[in-house]
Protein backbone atom coordinates (compact mmCIF):
# COMPACT_ATOMS: atom_id res chain seq x y z
CA MET A 1 -95.99 -3.40 46.87
CA SER A 2 -92.41 -3.06 48.18
CA THR A 3 -90.29 -0.47 46.31
CA SER A 4 -87.19 -2.72 46.49
CA LEU A 5 -86.43 -6.25 45.40
CA THR A 6 -84.69 -8.76 47.61
CA ASN A 7 -81.44 -10.59 46.43
CA VAL A 8 -83.52 -13.70 46.25
CA ALA A 9 -85.86 -12.09 43.75
CA SER A 10 -82.97 -10.63 41.75
CA ILE A 11 -81.31 -14.02 41.50
CA GLU A 12 -84.69 -15.70 40.63
CA PHE A 13 -85.05 -13.25 37.80
CA ASP A 14 -81.53 -13.66 36.61
CA ASN A 15 -81.89 -17.41 36.47
CA GLU A 16 -85.13 -17.22 34.68
CA VAL A 17 -83.71 -14.88 31.98
CA LYS A 18 -80.70 -17.18 31.52
CA HIS A 19 -82.93 -20.13 31.11
CA GLU A 20 -84.96 -18.38 28.41
CA TYR A 21 -81.83 -17.07 26.82
CA GLN A 22 -80.19 -20.34 26.50
CA GLY A 23 -83.33 -21.77 25.20
CA ALA A 24 -83.95 -19.11 22.54
CA ALA A 25 -80.39 -18.64 21.20
CA SER A 26 -80.36 -20.66 17.99
CA LEU A 27 -76.97 -19.96 16.41
CA ARG A 28 -74.52 -19.97 19.32
CA ASN A 29 -73.82 -23.83 18.99
CA THR A 30 -73.31 -23.53 15.29
CA VAL A 31 -69.86 -21.46 15.68
CA THR A 32 -66.77 -21.58 17.61
CA VAL A 33 -67.12 -19.79 20.93
CA ARG A 34 -64.71 -18.15 23.22
CA THR A 35 -65.85 -16.85 26.47
CA GLY A 36 -64.27 -14.70 29.23
CA VAL A 37 -62.63 -12.41 26.66
CA VAL A 38 -61.01 -9.29 28.29
CA GLY A 39 -60.93 -6.14 26.32
CA GLY A 40 -62.69 -4.90 23.29
CA SER A 41 -61.49 -7.45 20.76
CA TYR A 42 -60.35 -11.06 20.39
CA ARG A 43 -58.05 -12.52 17.80
CA PHE A 44 -58.90 -15.99 16.64
CA ALA A 45 -56.02 -18.08 15.45
CA ARG A 46 -56.20 -20.05 12.22
CA MET A 47 -53.39 -22.67 11.34
CA GLY A 48 -53.01 -23.55 7.61
CA LYS A 49 -52.51 -27.06 6.10
CA GLY A 50 -49.20 -29.01 5.68
CA MET A 51 -48.09 -31.52 3.33
CA ALA A 52 -45.81 -34.57 4.06
CA ASN A 53 -42.73 -34.85 2.07
CA GLN A 54 -40.07 -37.42 1.43
CA LYS A 55 -36.51 -37.15 2.80
CA ALA A 56 -33.30 -38.89 1.57
CA ILE A 57 -31.19 -40.70 4.06
CA GLN A 58 -29.06 -38.24 6.07
CA ALA A 59 -30.58 -35.14 4.27
CA ASP A 60 -32.11 -32.34 6.22
CA VAL A 61 -35.72 -32.22 6.77
CA THR A 62 -37.97 -29.87 4.82
CA PRO A 63 -40.40 -27.97 6.97
CA MET A 64 -43.94 -27.83 5.80
CA ASP A 65 -44.02 -24.05 6.31
CA ILE A 66 -47.60 -24.21 7.77
CA SER A 67 -49.15 -20.69 7.53
CA HIS A 68 -50.68 -18.92 10.45
CA ALA A 69 -53.36 -16.22 10.43
CA ARG A 70 -55.45 -14.27 12.86
CA GLN A 71 -58.94 -12.69 12.48
CA THR A 72 -60.06 -10.10 15.01
CA ALA A 73 -63.53 -9.98 16.43
CA ILE A 74 -64.55 -6.62 17.58
CA LEU A 75 -66.87 -6.76 20.68
CA GLY A 76 -69.86 -4.71 21.05
CA ASP A 77 -71.92 -3.76 24.18
CA TRP A 78 -75.63 -4.68 24.28
CA ASN A 79 -78.59 -3.96 26.55
CA ALA A 80 -82.01 -5.03 26.68
CA PRO A 81 -83.67 -2.75 29.29
CA GLU A 82 -87.33 -2.34 30.35
CA TYR A 83 -89.16 -0.48 33.16
CA THR A 84 -91.73 -2.03 35.44
CA ASP A 85 -93.97 0.67 36.80
CA ILE A 86 -95.12 -0.06 40.42
CA PHE A 87 -98.60 1.34 39.70
CA ALA A 88 -98.92 -0.53 36.34
CA GLN A 89 -97.81 -3.76 38.11
CA ALA A 90 -100.94 -3.42 40.45
CA GLU A 91 -103.26 -3.22 37.53
CA VAL A 92 -102.32 -6.53 35.65
CA ASN A 93 -103.26 -10.04 36.65
CA PHE A 94 -100.05 -11.66 35.41
CA ASP A 95 -96.38 -11.90 36.58
CA GLU A 96 -94.68 -9.15 34.86
CA LYS A 97 -91.36 -10.30 36.03
CA ALA A 98 -91.81 -13.60 34.27
CA GLU A 99 -92.97 -11.95 31.15
CA LEU A 100 -90.03 -9.46 31.25
CA ALA A 101 -87.68 -12.42 31.57
CA GLN A 102 -88.82 -14.04 28.37
CA SER A 103 -88.82 -10.57 26.55
CA ILE A 104 -85.31 -9.69 27.68
CA ALA A 105 -83.80 -13.19 27.06
CA LYS A 106 -85.28 -13.32 23.54
CA ALA A 107 -84.15 -9.90 22.53
CA MET A 108 -80.66 -10.87 23.64
CA ALA A 109 -80.83 -14.04 21.77
CA ARG A 110 -82.00 -12.59 18.52
CA ARG A 111 -79.27 -9.98 18.99
CA GLU A 112 -76.64 -12.67 19.36
CA ASP A 113 -77.93 -14.47 16.35
CA GLN A 114 -77.77 -11.21 14.38
CA ILE A 115 -74.00 -10.70 15.45
CA ILE A 116 -73.28 -13.96 13.91
CA ILE A 117 -75.29 -13.45 10.81
CA ASP A 118 -73.76 -10.04 10.10
CA ALA A 119 -70.28 -11.62 10.44
CA ILE A 120 -71.19 -14.16 7.87
CA GLU A 121 -72.58 -11.72 5.44
CA ALA A 122 -69.46 -9.38 5.69
CA ALA A 123 -67.35 -12.32 4.16
CA THR A 124 -65.82 -12.09 0.71
CA PHE A 125 -67.68 -14.47 -1.70
CA ALA A 126 -66.71 -15.90 -5.13
CA ALA A 127 -68.48 -18.12 -7.58
CA THR A 128 -65.75 -20.70 -7.70
CA ASN A 129 -63.70 -22.62 -5.01
CA ASP A 130 -60.10 -21.39 -5.57
CA SER A 131 -58.95 -23.02 -2.22
CA ASN A 132 -58.43 -19.45 -0.77
CA PRO A 133 -59.17 -19.78 2.90
CA ASP A 134 -60.39 -16.14 3.01
CA THR A 135 -62.96 -16.35 0.19
CA ALA A 136 -66.34 -17.99 0.68
CA ARG A 137 -68.29 -19.65 -2.04
CA VAL A 138 -71.54 -18.19 -3.47
CA GLU A 139 -74.18 -20.30 -5.32
CA ASP A 140 -76.21 -17.79 -7.25
CA ILE A 141 -79.54 -19.18 -8.57
CA SER A 142 -81.67 -15.96 -8.13
CA ALA A 143 -81.97 -15.48 -11.97
CA THR A 144 -83.93 -18.71 -12.44
CA ARG A 145 -84.64 -20.73 -9.24
CA ASN A 146 -86.01 -20.68 -5.72
CA PHE A 147 -84.27 -22.40 -2.85
CA ASP A 148 -84.14 -26.11 -3.81
CA LEU A 149 -82.22 -29.45 -3.01
CA ALA A 150 -79.84 -28.99 -5.88
CA SER A 151 -78.44 -25.81 -4.00
CA ILE A 152 -78.19 -27.85 -0.86
CA ARG A 153 -76.25 -30.66 -2.71
CA THR A 154 -73.93 -27.88 -4.21
CA ALA A 155 -73.21 -26.58 -0.70
CA LYS A 156 -72.47 -30.12 0.49
CA GLY A 157 -70.27 -30.62 -2.56
CA HIS A 158 -68.07 -27.54 -1.78
CA LEU A 159 -67.58 -28.46 1.73
CA ASP A 160 -66.82 -31.99 0.87
CA ASP A 161 -64.24 -30.73 -1.71
CA ILE A 162 -62.28 -28.76 0.91
CA GLU A 163 -62.63 -31.69 3.32
CA ALA A 164 -64.48 -29.67 5.93
CA ASP A 165 -65.56 -31.50 9.15
CA SER A 166 -68.68 -33.44 8.33
CA ALA A 167 -69.83 -33.49 12.08
CA ASP A 168 -70.65 -29.73 12.45
CA ARG A 169 -72.43 -28.41 9.30
CA HIS A 170 -75.18 -26.02 9.54
CA ILE A 171 -77.70 -24.20 7.27
CA VAL A 172 -79.21 -20.98 8.25
CA LEU A 173 -82.33 -20.09 6.14
CA ARG A 174 -85.78 -18.35 6.07
CA ALA A 175 -88.89 -20.30 6.83
CA GLN A 176 -90.15 -19.83 3.36
CA ALA A 177 -87.05 -21.33 2.02
CA LEU A 178 -87.63 -24.48 4.01
CA GLN A 179 -91.25 -24.75 2.90
CA GLU A 180 -90.15 -24.38 -0.62
CA LEU A 181 -88.28 -27.65 -0.47
CA LEU A 182 -91.58 -29.38 -0.21
CA SER A 183 -92.54 -28.00 -3.57
CA ASP A 184 -89.20 -29.05 -5.26
CA SER A 185 -90.13 -31.09 -8.31
CA THR A 186 -86.85 -33.16 -8.17
CA VAL A 187 -87.73 -34.47 -4.71
CA THR A 188 -88.27 -38.26 -4.70
CA SER A 189 -90.75 -39.80 -2.49
CA GLY A 190 -88.09 -40.78 0.23
CA ASP A 191 -86.61 -37.19 -0.03
CA PHE A 192 -90.18 -35.73 0.32
CA ASN A 193 -90.89 -37.63 3.52
CA THR A 194 -87.56 -36.59 4.93
CA VAL A 195 -88.09 -32.93 4.08
CA ARG A 196 -91.70 -32.98 5.29
CA ALA A 197 -90.41 -34.22 8.69
CA LEU A 198 -87.86 -31.48 8.67
CA VAL A 199 -90.45 -28.76 7.98
CA ASN A 200 -92.83 -30.13 10.70
CA GLY A 201 -89.93 -30.18 13.26
CA GLU A 202 -89.81 -33.80 13.62
CA LEU A 203 -86.14 -33.78 12.73
CA ASP A 204 -83.69 -30.97 12.17
CA THR A 205 -80.89 -32.55 10.20
CA TYR A 206 -80.75 -33.34 6.42
CA MET A 207 -78.03 -34.13 3.96
CA GLY A 208 -75.39 -33.70 6.75
CA PHE A 209 -76.62 -30.18 7.65
CA LYS A 210 -78.46 -29.06 10.75
CA PHE A 211 -81.16 -26.55 9.79
CA HIS A 212 -81.76 -23.26 11.71
CA VAL A 213 -84.75 -21.14 10.56
CA ILE A 214 -84.60 -17.40 10.96
CA GLY A 215 -87.89 -15.44 10.76
CA THR A 216 -88.48 -11.78 9.74
CA ARG A 217 -86.85 -9.87 12.64
CA ALA A 218 -86.50 -6.18 13.41
CA GLU A 219 -82.68 -6.92 14.05
CA GLY A 220 -82.35 -7.58 10.35
CA GLY A 221 -82.36 -11.28 10.01
CA LEU A 222 -81.15 -12.58 6.81
CA SER A 223 -80.74 -9.85 4.29
CA GLY A 224 -82.15 -9.50 0.84
CA VAL A 225 -85.49 -8.93 -0.91
CA ALA A 226 -87.84 -11.41 -2.52
CA ALA A 227 -85.99 -11.59 -5.77
CA ASP A 228 -82.73 -12.04 -4.17
CA ARG A 229 -82.96 -13.85 -0.62
CA THR A 230 -79.91 -15.55 0.99
CA ALA A 231 -79.29 -18.65 2.95
CA TYR A 232 -75.93 -19.86 4.40
CA ALA A 233 -74.32 -23.24 4.71
CA TYR A 234 -71.18 -23.39 6.80
CA THR A 235 -69.04 -25.33 9.28
CA LYS A 236 -68.79 -24.66 12.93
CA ALA A 237 -65.04 -23.86 12.71
CA ALA A 238 -65.74 -21.10 9.93
CA ILE A 239 -67.04 -18.43 12.34
CA GLY A 240 -66.01 -17.37 15.74
CA LEU A 241 -68.02 -15.73 18.52
CA ALA A 242 -66.08 -14.06 21.19
CA ILE A 243 -67.96 -13.20 24.56
CA GLY A 244 -66.64 -10.72 26.95
CA ILE A 245 -69.61 -10.59 29.15
CA ASP A 246 -72.10 -13.39 28.87
CA MET A 247 -75.86 -12.78 29.51
CA THR A 248 -76.16 -10.93 32.95
CA THR A 249 -79.21 -9.15 34.47
CA ASN A 250 -79.80 -6.40 37.07
CA ILE A 251 -82.87 -4.92 38.52
CA ASP A 252 -82.68 -1.40 39.97
CA TRP A 253 -85.35 0.85 41.68
CA ILE A 254 -85.53 4.23 39.82
CA ALA A 255 -87.25 6.35 42.40
CA GLN A 256 -87.92 9.34 40.15
CA LYS A 257 -89.84 7.01 37.84
CA THR A 258 -91.41 4.95 40.61
CA SER A 259 -90.31 1.89 38.53
CA TRP A 260 -87.88 -0.95 38.46
CA LEU A 261 -85.45 -0.91 35.66
CA CYS A 262 -84.90 -4.57 34.59
CA ASN A 263 -81.96 -4.91 32.17
CA GLY A 264 -80.04 -7.65 30.36
CA CYS A 265 -76.41 -7.01 29.18
CA PHE A 266 -73.81 -8.83 27.20
CA LYS A 267 -70.63 -7.94 25.38
CA ALA A 268 -69.79 -9.90 22.30
CA GLY A 269 -68.46 -9.99 18.68
CA ALA A 270 -68.15 -12.38 15.79
CA ILE A 271 -65.85 -12.72 12.91
CA VAL A 272 -65.26 -15.20 9.98
CA ARG A 273 -62.36 -17.39 10.69
CA GLU A 274 -62.23 -19.37 7.57
CA ALA A 275 -64.38 -18.09 4.80
CA GLN A 276 -64.01 -21.12 2.51
CA GLY A 277 -66.08 -22.96 4.95
CA ILE A 278 -69.13 -20.91 4.06
CA VAL A 279 -71.40 -21.18 1.17
CA LYS A 280 -73.96 -18.44 0.30
CA ILE A 281 -77.06 -19.61 -1.58
CA GLN A 282 -78.84 -16.69 -3.43
CA TYR A 283 -82.21 -17.49 -4.67
CA ASP A 284 -85.46 -15.94 -5.96
CA GLU A 285 -88.21 -16.36 -3.41
CA GLY A 286 -90.87 -15.43 -5.97
CA VAL A 287 -90.09 -18.13 -8.54
């Protein structure tokens, strides 16, 4: 077997990783993305609300004094490397390049998801909606209830109240929470059929939210313990993801290891842009 890869093989590997990466990343399309960022940080801009006012004839106009704010996302450097030994490759009956492409891509996708989740969890939460754009809403039902439809309705009510865009609403939750909806005693027959289709993967949207299931992950996933789990409902504009280097790969021959080093790299960071567009649902998974 050759100890060097041709450019064609490298390009093929890179394309295969990117294909898997785009297919595996589940949260990128749920947030506002800025690509091509230069430097170690990116400042997202946020413009406040204005209110129209009346003006008397020949009087000066009164400016709305719209506020402006900036939130800074700090970009981190991430790698997903793995060696391919020339002798080990000769002992297996599968294409290790293809297997590595999937492993690297999925590792990068999970890390990107975690960057977004960590940014959401770092927000400041309050039990009431005080119209503060820097405060997120928390619905804490962990003392008495598991994840249920009532908590989704509360999240929807909050986002409706602040007049958040109804076209880009998302819920990130654990698989157990989605399954719990089927046992909700308040579900009517029509709701039950819809939730069952949601759990079975026949649809991914319910009550205006697109659902994204996060499993138990080594990267951390959704934080919490059984008696105090979390799910998040939010709008796309509420979180920003800044990407300095999008997924790129390289393959290098390391002579002293008689192996190829396959690596995936990217540089990215996330920040909450408008916290009031986020609702944290705290629930007891054991109830």
